[in-house]
Amino acid sequence: MSAAASPSPLAVNLAAVFAVVIWGASPPMTKLAVQSFDPALVAVLRTLIGGLASAPILLLLRLGLPKDGAGLRLLLIAGFCGYIGFPLAFTIGVGMTSGAHGALALAILSLFTGLIAAAVERRWPQRTWWIGTAIALAGEVCLISFRGGDAVSGSSLAGDLICLASAAIASAGYVAGARLSQRGYSSWGTTYWGVVLAGLVMAAALPFAGPQQALTATLPGWAAVLYLAIGVTIVGYVAWYWALGAGGIARIGVIQFLQMPVGVAVSILALGEPLTWPLAVSAALILVGVAIGQRK
């Protein structure tokens, strides 16, 4: 019975890839949003709008809170990291650096996720995970090392470090959400309750984030905020938490290296950036690393 009820590896991998594709456009969308809004307001709006959209779904699905204290603590950690700490840190960081550097910081999420999970679960990832992670990380190094002088235009060390810190915060939230899912709590509940509770906090912060900017923001700026609020904050998190809980944190977490090639594809198709050989080599290394990292 339990084997029949278990999701197939294909379904788990597709859910994870779906979430990563949605998240792949997050850095350029964030960069677009901060051109119309202050970074702090972008972070507040994306979580506040996500919370407003999630509240009716909670009522419709009648999703309750975790029934035990440990589950509630995991929910609060996942909600804070995913919908308060990460949006604030990443949006501020992207506002101070380039979109490429922000995307690079997010590309190491799987490494942080696997390491945090190993520390929490006291179980070291298998050797294939380390090999796959090393190959994918080599792709990231190749990308940053051979981009040329124009790649660092608009970037700053402070912005890069803040983006890097945001990746660590998000990874902690992923681990908390996945562990909650492994305890039998719905990934829908983790996502919707997390963003609703975080939305209440952001609502209190809204008067201090310069809400008057909303009156003069451009249509692309609002579209970017809505994408971050609905696509990234809700749809992406539901698929990702479910995939992590069903497929294992370390094995599925490495799929997040795909965010970098997704970001490259978005840049080429939407922004008209050229496909250079360093980008192609980096994407190939990342794909190979993901494939190896998923092996049991």
Protein backbone atom coordinates (compact mmCIF):
# COMPACT_ATOMS: atom_id res chain seq x y z
CA MET A 1 0.00 0.00 0.00
CA SER A 2 2.70 2.49 0.95
CA ALA A 3 4.74 1.67 -2.15
CA ALA A 4 1.70 2.27 -4.40
CA ALA A 5 1.03 5.60 -2.71
CA SER A 6 4.60 6.80 -3.13
CA PRO A 7 5.13 9.33 -5.94
CA SER A 8 7.26 8.25 -8.87
CA PRO A 9 10.83 9.58 -9.16
CA LEU A 10 9.82 11.19 -12.46
CA ALA A 11 6.98 13.13 -10.80
CA VAL A 12 9.26 14.26 -7.98
CA ASN A 13 11.97 15.42 -10.39
CA LEU A 14 9.47 17.21 -12.62
CA ALA A 15 8.03 19.08 -9.64
CA ALA A 16 11.52 20.15 -8.56
CA VAL A 17 12.48 21.25 -12.08
CA PHE A 18 9.19 23.15 -12.42
CA ALA A 19 9.93 25.09 -9.23
CA VAL A 20 13.49 25.81 -10.32
CA VAL A 21 12.34 27.07 -13.73
CA ILE A 22 9.96 29.49 -12.00
CA TRP A 23 12.72 30.60 -9.64
CA GLY A 24 15.27 30.88 -12.45
CA ALA A 25 13.71 34.17 -13.56
CA SER A 26 13.64 35.53 -10.01
CA PRO A 27 16.93 37.53 -10.13
CA PRO A 28 16.12 39.42 -13.38
CA MET A 29 12.54 39.97 -12.16
CA THR A 30 13.88 41.30 -8.88
CA LYS A 31 16.26 43.59 -10.74
CA LEU A 32 13.32 44.83 -12.82
CA ALA A 33 11.22 45.42 -9.71
CA VAL A 34 13.87 47.47 -7.89
CA GLN A 35 14.00 49.82 -10.84
CA SER A 36 10.48 50.97 -9.87
CA PHE A 37 10.40 50.31 -6.12
CA ASP A 38 12.78 50.60 -3.20
CA PRO A 39 14.25 47.13 -2.49
CA ALA A 40 12.64 46.99 0.97
CA LEU A 41 9.22 47.75 -0.53
CA VAL A 42 9.68 45.02 -3.15
CA ALA A 43 10.35 42.49 -0.38
CA VAL A 44 7.36 43.69 1.65
CA LEU A 45 4.98 43.73 -1.34
CA ARG A 46 5.92 40.29 -2.66
CA THR A 47 5.19 38.63 0.69
CA LEU A 48 2.17 40.80 1.52
CA ILE A 49 0.51 40.14 -1.85
CA GLY A 50 1.39 36.47 -1.57
CA GLY A 51 -0.22 36.36 1.87
CA LEU A 52 -3.40 38.05 0.63
CA ALA A 53 -3.63 35.56 -2.24
CA SER A 54 -3.00 32.60 0.07
CA ALA A 55 -5.57 33.45 2.76
CA PRO A 56 -8.65 32.48 0.68
CA ILE A 57 -6.93 29.25 -0.36
CA LEU A 58 -6.35 28.37 3.28
CA LEU A 59 -10.07 28.84 3.97
CA LEU A 60 -11.10 26.91 0.86
CA LEU A 61 -8.83 23.93 1.55
CA ARG A 62 -9.39 24.12 5.32
CA LEU A 63 -5.70 23.68 6.01
CA GLY A 64 -4.91 23.65 9.70
CA LEU A 65 -1.73 24.49 11.52
CA PRO A 66 0.62 21.70 12.66
CA LYS A 67 -0.81 20.01 15.74
CA ASP A 68 2.41 19.69 17.71
CA GLY A 69 4.93 22.21 18.96
CA ALA A 70 7.82 20.85 16.91
CA GLY A 71 5.80 21.10 13.70
CA LEU A 72 4.73 24.65 14.52
CA ARG A 73 8.35 25.65 15.14
CA LEU A 74 9.38 24.21 11.78
CA LEU A 75 6.55 26.14 10.11
CA LEU A 76 7.62 29.41 11.73
CA ILE A 77 11.25 28.84 10.71
CA ALA A 78 10.27 28.01 7.13
CA GLY A 79 7.95 31.02 6.95
CA PHE A 80 10.45 33.48 8.38
CA CYS A 81 13.36 32.27 6.25
CA GLY A 82 11.39 31.90 3.02
CA TYR A 83 9.09 34.92 3.15
CA ILE A 84 10.78 37.51 5.37
CA GLY A 85 14.52 36.92 5.74
CA PHE A 86 15.25 35.79 2.20
CA PRO A 87 13.16 38.39 0.29
CA LEU A 88 14.58 41.26 2.34
CA ALA A 89 18.20 40.15 2.07
CA PHE A 90 18.09 39.11 -1.58
CA THR A 91 16.18 42.16 -2.82
CA ILE A 92 18.51 44.53 -0.99
CA GLY A 93 21.52 42.58 -2.26
CA VAL A 94 20.35 42.61 -5.89
CA GLY A 95 19.72 46.34 -5.58
CA MET A 96 23.41 46.76 -4.71
CA THR A 97 24.90 44.36 -7.25
CA SER A 98 24.26 42.97 -10.73
CA GLY A 99 21.57 40.49 -11.68
CA ALA A 100 24.22 38.00 -12.80
CA HIS A 101 25.88 38.07 -9.39
CA GLY A 102 22.52 37.65 -7.68
CA ALA A 103 21.77 34.62 -9.84
CA LEU A 104 25.20 33.16 -9.06
CA ALA A 105 24.52 33.49 -5.33
CA LEU A 106 21.23 31.63 -5.68
CA ALA A 107 22.92 28.91 -7.71
CA ILE A 108 24.70 27.62 -4.61
CA LEU A 109 21.42 27.11 -2.76
CA SER A 110 21.62 23.35 -3.22
CA LEU A 111 25.06 23.25 -1.60
CA PHE A 112 23.80 25.21 1.42
CA THR A 113 20.63 23.09 1.55
CA GLY A 114 22.56 19.82 1.53
CA LEU A 115 25.05 21.01 4.14
CA ILE A 116 22.36 22.35 6.49
CA ALA A 117 20.34 19.16 6.07
CA ALA A 118 23.44 17.06 6.82
CA ALA A 119 24.09 19.05 9.99
CA VAL A 120 20.47 18.83 11.16
CA GLU A 121 19.98 15.17 10.31
CA ARG A 122 23.54 14.20 11.35
CA ARG A 123 23.85 12.20 8.16
CA TRP A 124 26.53 13.11 5.62
CA PRO A 125 25.48 13.13 1.94
CA GLN A 126 26.67 10.27 -0.24
CA ARG A 127 29.83 10.54 -2.30
CA THR A 128 27.89 10.95 -5.56
CA TRP A 129 26.21 14.05 -4.09
CA TRP A 130 29.61 15.59 -3.38
CA ILE A 131 30.89 14.69 -6.85
CA GLY A 132 27.83 16.15 -8.54
CA THR A 133 27.99 19.27 -6.41
CA ALA A 134 31.69 19.74 -7.19
CA ILE A 135 31.08 19.45 -10.94
CA ALA A 136 28.13 21.85 -10.83
CA LEU A 137 30.11 24.28 -8.71
CA ALA A 138 32.93 24.09 -11.27
CA GLY A 139 30.38 25.25 -13.81
CA GLU A 140 29.59 28.24 -11.61
CA VAL A 141 33.29 29.05 -11.28
CA CYS A 142 33.70 28.82 -15.05
CA LEU A 143 30.80 31.18 -15.56
CA ILE A 144 32.10 33.86 -13.23
CA SER A 145 35.75 33.50 -14.29
CA PHE A 146 35.33 33.87 -18.06
CA ARG A 147 32.56 36.44 -18.40
CA GLY A 148 34.84 39.37 -19.13
CA GLY A 149 35.14 42.83 -17.63
CA ASP A 150 31.59 43.89 -18.43
CA ALA A 151 30.20 41.07 -16.27
CA VAL A 152 31.03 42.85 -13.06
CA SER A 153 29.52 46.18 -14.13
CA GLY A 154 27.20 47.42 -11.43
CA SER A 155 28.27 44.78 -8.94
CA SER A 156 29.63 45.33 -5.45
CA LEU A 157 31.22 43.15 -2.80
CA ALA A 158 28.62 44.19 -0.22
CA GLY A 159 25.75 43.29 -2.56
CA ASP A 160 27.33 39.93 -3.40
CA LEU A 161 27.79 39.08 0.27
CA ILE A 162 24.18 40.03 1.09
CA CYS A 163 22.91 37.85 -1.77
CA LEU A 164 25.10 35.03 -0.50
CA ALA A 165 23.66 35.44 2.99
CA SER A 166 20.15 35.37 1.52
CA ALA A 167 20.92 32.01 -0.11
CA ALA A 168 21.93 30.57 3.27
CA ILE A 169 18.73 31.93 4.85
CA ALA A 170 16.58 30.42 2.09
CA SER A 171 18.34 27.06 2.44
CA ALA A 172 17.55 26.93 6.15
CA GLY A 173 13.92 27.55 5.28
CA TYR A 174 13.94 24.78 2.67
CA VAL A 175 15.28 22.28 5.19
CA ALA A 176 12.67 23.29 7.78
CA GLY A 177 9.87 23.03 5.21
CA ALA A 178 11.09 19.67 3.93
CA ARG A 179 11.38 18.23 7.44
CA LEU A 180 7.84 19.41 8.15
CA SER A 181 6.66 17.65 4.99
CA GLN A 182 8.47 14.48 6.08
CA ARG A 183 6.53 14.63 9.36
CA GLY A 184 3.31 14.30 7.34
CA TYR A 185 2.30 17.95 7.18
CA SER A 186 1.09 19.13 3.77
CA SER A 187 3.44 21.17 1.61
CA TRP A 188 0.39 23.28 0.77
CA GLY A 189 -0.04 24.09 4.44
CA THR A 190 3.65 24.87 4.82
CA THR A 191 3.52 27.29 1.91
CA TYR A 192 0.19 29.00 2.52
CA TRP A 193 0.41 29.27 6.30
CA GLY A 194 4.03 30.38 6.03
CA VAL A 195 3.30 33.21 3.61
CA VAL A 196 0.11 34.26 5.43
CA LEU A 197 1.89 34.53 8.78
CA ALA A 198 4.83 36.31 7.15
CA GLY A 199 2.37 38.57 5.33
CA LEU A 200 1.01 39.76 8.67
CA VAL A 201 4.52 40.77 9.69
CA MET A 202 5.11 42.52 6.37
CA ALA A 203 1.77 44.35 6.66
CA ALA A 204 3.01 45.90 9.89
CA ALA A 205 6.24 46.90 8.13
CA LEU A 206 4.51 48.39 5.06
CA PRO A 207 4.15 51.98 6.42
CA PHE A 208 7.92 52.09 6.96
CA ALA A 209 8.81 50.81 3.45
CA GLY A 210 7.64 53.86 1.48
CA PRO A 211 4.28 52.62 0.11
CA GLN A 212 3.76 55.92 -1.76
CA GLN A 213 6.16 54.60 -4.43
CA ALA A 214 3.37 52.31 -5.63
CA LEU A 215 1.60 55.33 -7.14
CA THR A 216 4.45 56.09 -9.53
CA ALA A 217 5.69 52.56 -10.27
CA THR A 218 5.78 51.36 -13.88
CA LEU A 219 3.68 48.53 -15.28
CA PRO A 220 6.75 46.27 -15.77
CA GLY A 221 7.70 46.96 -12.16
CA TRP A 222 4.29 45.85 -10.92
CA ALA A 223 4.36 42.81 -13.23
CA ALA A 224 7.71 41.80 -11.73
CA VAL A 225 6.39 42.19 -8.17
CA LEU A 226 3.31 40.08 -8.99
CA TYR A 227 5.51 37.40 -10.55
CA LEU A 228 7.62 37.29 -7.39
CA ALA A 229 4.52 37.28 -5.16
CA ILE A 230 2.47 34.61 -6.93
CA GLY A 231 4.83 32.57 -9.07
CA VAL A 232 7.95 32.52 -6.91
CA THR A 233 6.41 32.85 -3.45
CA ILE A 234 3.45 30.48 -3.82
CA VAL A 235 3.60 28.18 -6.87
CA GLY A 236 7.33 27.59 -6.71
CA TYR A 237 7.40 26.87 -2.98
CA VAL A 238 4.52 24.35 -3.11
CA ALA A 239 6.26 22.32 -5.82
CA TRP A 240 9.67 22.60 -4.16
CA TYR A 241 8.61 21.60 -0.64
CA TRP A 242 6.70 18.61 -1.98
CA ALA A 243 9.67 17.48 -4.10
CA LEU A 244 12.13 17.86 -1.21
CA GLY A 245 9.89 15.90 1.14
CA ALA A 246 9.23 13.11 -1.37
CA GLY A 247 12.66 12.81 -2.97
CA GLY A 248 15.08 13.65 -0.18
CA ILE A 249 16.66 16.97 0.70
CA ALA A 250 20.21 16.30 -0.49
CA ARG A 251 19.30 14.50 -3.75
CA ILE A 252 16.60 16.94 -4.87
CA GLY A 253 18.39 20.02 -3.54
CA VAL A 254 21.14 19.68 -6.15
CA ILE A 255 18.54 20.35 -8.89
CA GLN A 256 18.69 24.00 -7.88
CA PHE A 257 21.90 24.30 -9.84
CA LEU A 258 19.58 24.40 -12.87
CA GLN A 259 18.60 27.94 -11.89
CA MET A 260 21.75 29.27 -13.52
CA PRO A 261 21.13 27.81 -17.03
CA VAL A 262 17.48 28.85 -16.71
CA GLY A 263 18.62 32.38 -15.94
CA VAL A 264 20.95 32.26 -18.96
CA ALA A 265 18.09 31.12 -21.20
CA VAL A 266 15.83 33.90 -19.92
CA SER A 267 18.58 36.44 -20.56
CA ILE A 268 19.12 35.18 -24.10
CA LEU A 269 15.45 34.96 -25.08
CA ALA A 270 14.07 37.96 -23.21
CA LEU A 271 17.02 40.33 -22.97
CA GLY A 272 18.85 39.45 -26.20
CA GLU A 273 22.15 38.57 -24.51
CA PRO A 274 24.57 36.47 -26.63
CA LEU A 275 25.22 32.79 -25.97
CA THR A 276 28.98 32.66 -25.42
CA TRP A 277 31.13 29.55 -25.05
CA PRO A 278 31.72 30.12 -21.31
CA LEU A 279 27.96 30.14 -20.79
CA ALA A 280 27.53 26.94 -22.81
CA VAL A 281 30.36 25.15 -20.98
CA SER A 282 29.01 26.28 -17.61
CA ALA A 283 25.50 25.07 -18.42
CA ALA A 284 26.87 21.68 -19.55
CA LEU A 285 28.88 21.24 -16.34
CA ILE A 286 25.89 22.17 -14.20
CA LEU A 287 23.62 19.70 -16.01
CA VAL A 288 26.17 16.90 -15.61
CA GLY A 289 26.57 17.75 -11.94
CA VAL A 290 22.82 17.62 -11.38
CA ALA A 291 22.58 14.22 -13.07
CA ILE A 292 25.41 12.75 -10.99
CA GLY A 293 24.20 14.32 -7.76
CA GLN A 294 20.80 12.62 -8.07
CA ARG A 295 22.24 9.11 -8.25
CA LYS A 296 21.68 6.97 -5.18
